[in-house]
Amino acid sequence: MKNIKIKVAAVLMSMSCSTLAFSGIITSSVDSSLSGASVIDFNSETLGSFSNRIFNGDVTISPTSGTFNIETAHSGQYGSSGAYLGSPSGQSFVIDFATTVSAFGFSWGAADQSWVMSLFDTSNSLLETISIAAQTTPHIGFIGADNIGISKVTMTVGSGFDYIILDDFQYVTENMSVPEPLSIALFGLGLAGIGFSRQKKIS
């Protein structure tokens, strides 16, 4: 009986740890973590400058200073297609999600400087930090991350000015009704405990 309880506890511990594990960086728009993602392509957005704007009612993008543009001047270049989000002020920026997400990513182009991506949960606790290298010719890429309970992302430029182009923003909203592995493990442990107590009474 004691050995069985130890084994159940070990399984619970391993499942608990798996929910806290680092998930990682996304470098492809077809990454499996983005399956079923909502997409903001900026093509239906009003062209012009803004200091912060909400997209799809879910995603707020705000430069730390200066403005961002919805524009088409470089359409077809640096991974952009149609309208895109450009950064004439070349500054760091913040992405806020109305509902926590499990994964996100976007086309990332014209970035001559290194950047740092930091992910935060709803308590503003740091989940992880990802370093993004400066791009070289043709200055096109895709960047994102997956983790549990992402509420905010800060994008910080390494130094100076860096005009960037951001397009085809994807994000996967978390389904809060689906139980996490830890919850399932606790439920299973409870059932196992009932089974053990009944077995003990019978014997």
C-alpha atoms as a PDB file:
ATOM      1  CA  MET A   1       0.000   0.000   0.000  1.00  0.00           C
ATOM      2  CA  LYS A   2       2.783   2.414   0.927  1.00  0.00           C
ATOM      3  CA  ASN A   3       4.621   1.741  -2.365  1.00  0.00           C
ATOM      4  CA  ILE A   4       1.457   2.452  -4.366  1.00  0.00           C
ATOM      5  CA  LYS A   5       0.955   5.781  -2.564  1.00  0.00           C
ATOM      6  CA  ILE A   6       4.558   6.761  -3.253  1.00  0.00           C
ATOM      7  CA  LYS A   7       4.134   5.953  -6.958  1.00  0.00           C
ATOM      8  CA  VAL A   8       0.948   8.042  -7.183  1.00  0.00           C
ATOM      9  CA  ALA A   9       2.709  10.953  -5.469  1.00  0.00           C
ATOM     10  CA  ALA A  10       5.608  10.666  -7.935  1.00  0.00           C
ATOM     11  CA  VAL A  11       3.233  10.800 -10.916  1.00  0.00           C
ATOM     12  CA  LEU A  12       1.499  13.834  -9.426  1.00  0.00           C
ATOM     13  CA  MET A  13       4.848  15.569  -8.893  1.00  0.00           C
ATOM     14  CA  SER A  14       5.962  14.950 -12.482  1.00  0.00           C
ATOM     15  CA  MET A  15       2.688  16.252 -13.930  1.00  0.00           C
ATOM     16  CA  SER A  16       2.837  19.309 -11.687  1.00  0.00           C
ATOM     17  CA  CYS A  17       6.367  20.098 -12.864  1.00  0.00           C
ATOM     18  CA  SER A  18       5.372  19.724 -16.498  1.00  0.00           C
ATOM     19  CA  THR A  19       2.870  22.599 -16.188  1.00  0.00           C
ATOM     20  CA  LEU A  20       5.657  24.916 -15.052  1.00  0.00           C
ATOM     21  CA  ALA A  21       8.192  23.951 -17.699  1.00  0.00           C
ATOM     22  CA  PHE A  22       9.703  26.488 -20.093  1.00  0.00           C
ATOM     23  CA  SER A  23       8.001  26.132 -23.432  1.00  0.00           C
ATOM     24  CA  GLY A  24      10.025  28.230 -25.837  1.00  0.00           C
ATOM     25  CA  ILE A  25      10.521  30.443 -28.789  1.00  0.00           C
ATOM     26  CA  ILE A  26       8.493  30.218 -32.013  1.00  0.00           C
ATOM     27  CA  THR A  27      10.266  30.967 -35.292  1.00  0.00           C
ATOM     28  CA  SER A  28       7.683  29.788 -37.838  1.00  0.00           C
ATOM     29  CA  SER A  29       4.164  30.937 -38.679  1.00  0.00           C
ATOM     30  CA  VAL A  30       3.120  27.275 -39.048  1.00  0.00           C
ATOM     31  CA  ASP A  31       4.394  26.183 -35.617  1.00  0.00           C
ATOM     32  CA  SER A  32       1.957  23.662 -34.076  1.00  0.00           C
ATOM     33  CA  SER A  33       1.575  25.922 -31.000  1.00  0.00           C
ATOM     34  CA  LEU A  34      -0.218  28.447 -33.240  1.00  0.00           C
ATOM     35  CA  SER A  35      -2.799  25.949 -34.496  1.00  0.00           C
ATOM     36  CA  GLY A  36      -6.233  27.604 -34.542  1.00  0.00           C
ATOM     37  CA  ALA A  37      -4.763  31.053 -33.873  1.00  0.00           C
ATOM     38  CA  SER A  38      -6.603  34.331 -34.456  1.00  0.00           C
ATOM     39  CA  VAL A  39      -4.773  36.504 -37.003  1.00  0.00           C
ATOM     40  CA  ILE A  40      -4.411  40.280 -37.273  1.00  0.00           C
ATOM     41  CA  ASP A  41      -3.152  41.148 -40.762  1.00  0.00           C
ATOM     42  CA  PHE A  42      -3.718  44.941 -40.387  1.00  0.00           C
ATOM     43  CA  ASN A  43      -5.226  45.126 -43.899  1.00  0.00           C
ATOM     44  CA  SER A  44      -8.620  46.302 -42.631  1.00  0.00           C
ATOM     45  CA  GLU A  45      -7.110  48.855 -40.242  1.00  0.00           C
ATOM     46  CA  THR A  46      -7.272  52.619 -40.836  1.00  0.00           C
ATOM     47  CA  LEU A  47      -3.908  53.908 -42.045  1.00  0.00           C
ATOM     48  CA  GLY A  48      -2.141  56.463 -39.844  1.00  0.00           C
ATOM     49  CA  SER A  49      -0.227  57.008 -36.607  1.00  0.00           C
ATOM     50  CA  PHE A  50      -1.209  55.958 -33.090  1.00  0.00           C
ATOM     51  CA  SER A  51       0.264  55.935 -29.593  1.00  0.00           C
ATOM     52  CA  ASN A  52      -1.762  52.848 -28.695  1.00  0.00           C
ATOM     53  CA  ARG A  53      -4.444  50.866 -30.458  1.00  0.00           C
ATOM     54  CA  ILE A  54      -6.620  47.821 -29.771  1.00  0.00           C
ATOM     55  CA  PHE A  55      -6.805  45.193 -32.516  1.00  0.00           C
ATOM     56  CA  ASN A  56      -9.540  42.518 -32.786  1.00  0.00           C
ATOM     57  CA  GLY A  57     -10.778  43.735 -29.395  1.00  0.00           C
ATOM     58  CA  ASP A  58      -8.114  41.477 -27.869  1.00  0.00           C
ATOM     59  CA  VAL A  59      -4.629  42.900 -28.465  1.00  0.00           C
ATOM     60  CA  THR A  60      -3.364  46.366 -27.470  1.00  0.00           C
ATOM     61  CA  ILE A  61      -0.046  47.523 -28.935  1.00  0.00           C
ATOM     62  CA  SER A  62       1.644  50.591 -27.441  1.00  0.00           C
ATOM     63  CA  PRO A  63       5.078  52.093 -28.170  1.00  0.00           C
ATOM     64  CA  THR A  64       6.905  53.171 -24.997  1.00  0.00           C
ATOM     65  CA  SER A  65       7.375  56.569 -26.652  1.00  0.00           C
ATOM     66  CA  GLY A  66       6.561  58.109 -30.007  1.00  0.00           C
ATOM     67  CA  THR A  67       4.113  56.441 -32.374  1.00  0.00           C
ATOM     68  CA  PHE A  68       3.457  53.414 -34.523  1.00  0.00           C
ATOM     69  CA  ASN A  69       1.994  53.593 -38.029  1.00  0.00           C
ATOM     70  CA  ILE A  70      -0.402  51.413 -39.940  1.00  0.00           C
ATOM     71  CA  GLU A  71       1.052  51.911 -43.411  1.00  0.00           C
ATOM     72  CA  THR A  72       1.748  50.373 -46.815  1.00  0.00           C
ATOM     73  CA  ALA A  73       4.930  52.233 -47.897  1.00  0.00           C
ATOM     74  CA  HIS A  74       7.084  49.072 -47.734  1.00  0.00           C
ATOM     75  CA  SER A  75       4.384  46.560 -48.613  1.00  0.00           C
ATOM     76  CA  GLY A  76       5.906  43.394 -50.026  1.00  0.00           C
ATOM     77  CA  GLN A  77       9.235  44.054 -48.305  1.00  0.00           C
ATOM     78  CA  TYR A  78      10.717  42.715 -45.056  1.00  0.00           C
ATOM     79  CA  GLY A  79       8.005  40.078 -44.693  1.00  0.00           C
ATOM     80  CA  SER A  80       5.083  42.492 -45.007  1.00  0.00           C
ATOM     81  CA  SER A  81       2.007  42.054 -47.167  1.00  0.00           C
ATOM     82  CA  GLY A  82      -0.589  44.778 -47.717  1.00  0.00           C
ATOM     83  CA  ALA A  83      -0.892  47.025 -44.659  1.00  0.00           C
ATOM     84  CA  TYR A  84       1.427  46.393 -41.720  1.00  0.00           C
ATOM     85  CA  LEU A  85       2.493  47.942 -38.437  1.00  0.00           C
ATOM     86  CA  GLY A  86       5.627  50.084 -38.765  1.00  0.00           C
ATOM     87  CA  SER A  87       7.697  51.837 -36.123  1.00  0.00           C
ATOM     88  CA  PRO A  88       8.866  55.247 -37.357  1.00  0.00           C
ATOM     89  CA  SER A  89       9.958  56.174 -33.804  1.00  0.00           C
ATOM     90  CA  GLY A  90      12.076  53.003 -33.632  1.00  0.00           C
ATOM     91  CA  GLN A  91      11.257  52.481 -29.962  1.00  0.00           C
ATOM     92  CA  SER A  92      10.492  49.608 -27.611  1.00  0.00           C
ATOM     93  CA  PHE A  93       6.817  48.622 -27.326  1.00  0.00           C
ATOM     94  CA  VAL A  94       4.292  46.665 -25.261  1.00  0.00           C
ATOM     95  CA  ILE A  95       1.694  44.078 -26.323  1.00  0.00           C
ATOM     96  CA  ASP A  96      -1.222  43.531 -23.902  1.00  0.00           C
ATOM     97  CA  PHE A  97      -3.708  40.668 -24.259  1.00  0.00           C
ATOM     98  CA  ALA A  98      -7.296  41.127 -23.021  1.00  0.00           C
ATOM     99  CA  THR A  99      -7.421  37.370 -22.315  1.00  0.00           C
ATOM    100  CA  THR A 100      -4.343  35.287 -21.533  1.00  0.00           C
ATOM    101  CA  VAL A 101      -2.808  33.448 -24.465  1.00  0.00           C
ATOM    102  CA  SER A 102      -0.826  30.222 -24.727  1.00  0.00           C
ATOM    103  CA  ALA A 103       1.105  31.236 -27.860  1.00  0.00           C
ATOM    104  CA  PHE A 104       1.640  34.189 -30.166  1.00  0.00           C
ATOM    105  CA  GLY A 105       3.896  35.222 -33.014  1.00  0.00           C
ATOM    106  CA  PHE A 106       4.297  37.713 -35.828  1.00  0.00           C
ATOM    107  CA  SER A 107       6.221  38.475 -38.976  1.00  0.00           C
ATOM    108  CA  TRP A 108       9.266  40.473 -37.841  1.00  0.00           C
ATOM    109  CA  GLY A 109      11.252  42.437 -40.403  1.00  0.00           C
ATOM    110  CA  ALA A 110      13.813  45.221 -40.922  1.00  0.00           C
ATOM    111  CA  ALA A 111      15.196  44.754 -37.385  1.00  0.00           C
ATOM    112  CA  ASP A 112      18.835  45.867 -37.543  1.00  0.00           C
ATOM    113  CA  GLN A 113      19.282  45.834 -33.760  1.00  0.00           C
ATOM    114  CA  SER A 114      19.024  43.032 -31.213  1.00  0.00           C
ATOM    115  CA  TRP A 115      15.818  42.959 -29.159  1.00  0.00           C
ATOM    116  CA  VAL A 116      14.644  41.337 -25.926  1.00  0.00           C
ATOM    117  CA  MET A 117      11.171  39.794 -25.642  1.00  0.00           C
ATOM    118  CA  SER A 118       9.820  39.453 -22.078  1.00  0.00           C
ATOM    119  CA  LEU A 119       6.614  37.560 -21.214  1.00  0.00           C
ATOM    120  CA  PHE A 120       4.482  38.357 -18.154  1.00  0.00           C
ATOM    121  CA  ASP A 121       1.431  36.759 -16.514  1.00  0.00           C
ATOM    122  CA  THR A 122      -1.669  38.532 -15.151  1.00  0.00           C
ATOM    123  CA  SER A 123       0.189  39.321 -11.891  1.00  0.00           C
ATOM    124  CA  ASN A 124       2.938  41.013 -13.933  1.00  0.00           C
ATOM    125  CA  SER A 125       5.352  38.248 -12.900  1.00  0.00           C
ATOM    126  CA  LEU A 126       8.054  37.460 -15.458  1.00  0.00           C
ATOM    127  CA  LEU A 127       7.479  34.125 -17.203  1.00  0.00           C
ATOM    128  CA  GLU A 128      10.524  34.129 -19.471  1.00  0.00           C
ATOM    129  CA  THR A 129      12.899  36.349 -21.427  1.00  0.00           C
ATOM    130  CA  ILE A 130      14.000  35.676 -25.000  1.00  0.00           C
ATOM    131  CA  SER A 131      16.903  37.372 -26.778  1.00  0.00           C
ATOM    132  CA  ILE A 132      16.334  38.141 -30.461  1.00  0.00           C
ATOM    133  CA  ALA A 133      19.406  38.640 -32.641  1.00  0.00           C
ATOM    134  CA  ALA A 134      19.717  41.529 -35.057  1.00  0.00           C
ATOM    135  CA  GLN A 135      18.600  40.593 -38.561  1.00  0.00           C
ATOM    136  CA  THR A 136      20.837  40.550 -41.618  1.00  0.00           C
ATOM    137  CA  THR A 137      19.874  40.582 -45.311  1.00  0.00           C
ATOM    138  CA  PRO A 138      17.062  39.988 -46.287  1.00  0.00           C
ATOM    139  CA  HIS A 139      15.863  41.242 -42.837  1.00  0.00           C
ATOM    140  CA  ILE A 140      12.839  38.933 -42.728  1.00  0.00           C
ATOM    141  CA  GLY A 141      11.791  36.547 -39.978  1.00  0.00           C
ATOM    142  CA  PHE A 142       9.066  35.299 -37.656  1.00  0.00           C
ATOM    143  CA  ILE A 143       9.185  35.578 -33.879  1.00  0.00           C
ATOM    144  CA  GLY A 144       6.935  34.495 -31.017  1.00  0.00           C
ATOM    145  CA  ALA A 145       6.673  32.269 -27.951  1.00  0.00           C
ATOM    146  CA  ASP A 146       4.454  29.784 -26.185  1.00  0.00           C
ATOM    147  CA  ASN A 147       3.945  29.496 -22.435  1.00  0.00           C
ATOM    148  CA  ILE A 148       1.132  29.251 -19.893  1.00  0.00           C
ATOM    149  CA  GLY A 149      -0.924  32.361 -19.090  1.00  0.00           C
ATOM    150  CA  ILE A 150       0.777  35.052 -21.173  1.00  0.00           C
ATOM    151  CA  SER A 151      -0.883  38.399 -20.435  1.00  0.00           C
ATOM    152  CA  LYS A 152       1.704  40.948 -21.553  1.00  0.00           C
ATOM    153  CA  VAL A 153       4.773  41.059 -23.775  1.00  0.00           C
ATOM    154  CA  THR A 154       7.429  43.764 -23.778  1.00  0.00           C
ATOM    155  CA  MET A 155       9.678  44.193 -26.798  1.00  0.00           C
ATOM    156  CA  THR A 156      12.825  46.118 -25.863  1.00  0.00           C
ATOM    157  CA  VAL A 157      15.315  47.362 -28.454  1.00  0.00           C
ATOM    158  CA  GLY A 158      18.956  46.678 -27.618  1.00  0.00           C
ATOM    159  CA  SER A 159      20.256  50.151 -28.362  1.00  0.00           C
ATOM    160  CA  GLY A 160      19.312  53.297 -30.217  1.00  0.00           C
ATOM    161  CA  PHE A 161      16.776  53.519 -33.013  1.00  0.00           C
ATOM    162  CA  ASP A 162      15.434  50.519 -34.915  1.00  0.00           C
ATOM    163  CA  TYR A 163      12.629  50.834 -37.420  1.00  0.00           C
ATOM    164  CA  ILE A 164      10.798  47.486 -37.538  1.00  0.00           C
ATOM    165  CA  ILE A 165       7.918  46.036 -39.527  1.00  0.00           C
ATOM    166  CA  LEU A 166       5.383  43.800 -37.782  1.00  0.00           C
ATOM    167  CA  ASP A 167       2.694  41.924 -39.721  1.00  0.00           C
ATOM    168  CA  ASP A 168       0.363  38.911 -39.599  1.00  0.00           C
ATOM    169  CA  PHE A 169       0.119  38.819 -35.805  1.00  0.00           C
ATOM    170  CA  GLN A 170      -1.151  35.431 -34.535  1.00  0.00           C
ATOM    171  CA  TYR A 171      -2.324  34.542 -31.032  1.00  0.00           C
ATOM    172  CA  VAL A 172      -4.019  31.594 -29.325  1.00  0.00           C
ATOM    173  CA  THR A 173      -6.414  32.558 -26.537  1.00  0.00           C
ATOM    174  CA  GLU A 174      -6.359  30.157 -23.587  1.00  0.00           C
ATOM    175  CA  ASN A 175      -9.513  28.148 -22.942  1.00  0.00           C
ATOM    176  CA  MET A 176     -10.007  28.558 -19.209  1.00  0.00           C
ATOM    177  CA  SER A 177     -12.681  25.819 -19.148  1.00  0.00           C
ATOM    178  CA  VAL A 178     -10.177  23.098 -20.052  1.00  0.00           C
ATOM    179  CA  PRO A 179      -8.567  21.621 -16.908  1.00  0.00           C
ATOM    180  CA  GLU A 180      -4.792  21.834 -16.654  1.00  0.00           C
ATOM    181  CA  PRO A 181      -2.709  18.655 -16.179  1.00  0.00           C
ATOM    182  CA  LEU A 182      -2.222  19.462 -12.480  1.00  0.00           C
ATOM    183  CA  SER A 183      -5.987  19.642 -11.919  1.00  0.00           C
ATOM    184  CA  ILE A 184      -6.447  16.321 -13.693  1.00  0.00           C
ATOM    185  CA  ALA A 185      -3.671  14.775 -11.597  1.00  0.00           C
ATOM    186  CA  LEU A 186      -5.262  15.973  -8.340  1.00  0.00           C
ATOM    187  CA  PHE A 187      -8.624  14.561  -9.434  1.00  0.00           C
ATOM    188  CA  GLY A 188      -6.969  11.230 -10.257  1.00  0.00           C
ATOM    189  CA  LEU A 189      -5.192  11.181  -6.902  1.00  0.00           C
ATOM    190  CA  GLY A 190      -8.519  11.743  -5.148  1.00  0.00           C
ATOM    191  CA  LEU A 191     -10.092   8.809  -6.986  1.00  0.00           C
ATOM    192  CA  ALA A 192      -7.076   6.640  -6.152  1.00  0.00           C
ATOM    193  CA  GLY A 193      -7.435   7.563  -2.479  1.00  0.00           C
ATOM    194  CA  ILE A 194     -11.104   6.510  -2.486  1.00  0.00           C
ATOM    195  CA  GLY A 195     -10.142   3.210  -4.103  1.00  0.00           C
ATOM    196  CA  PHE A 196      -7.424   2.556  -1.496  1.00  0.00           C
ATOM    197  CA  SER A 197      -9.769   3.308   1.413  1.00  0.00           C
ATOM    198  CA  ARG A 198     -12.463   0.965   0.054  1.00  0.00           C
ATOM    199  CA  GLN A 199      -9.884  -1.797  -0.524  1.00  0.00           C
ATOM    200  CA  LYS A 200      -8.676  -1.418   3.061  1.00  0.00           C
ATOM    201  CA  LYS A 201     -12.238  -1.715   4.444  1.00  0.00           C
ATOM    202  CA  ILE A 202     -12.900  -4.869   2.389  1.00  0.00           C
ATOM    203  CA  SER A 203      -9.703  -6.550   3.597  1.00  0.00           C
END
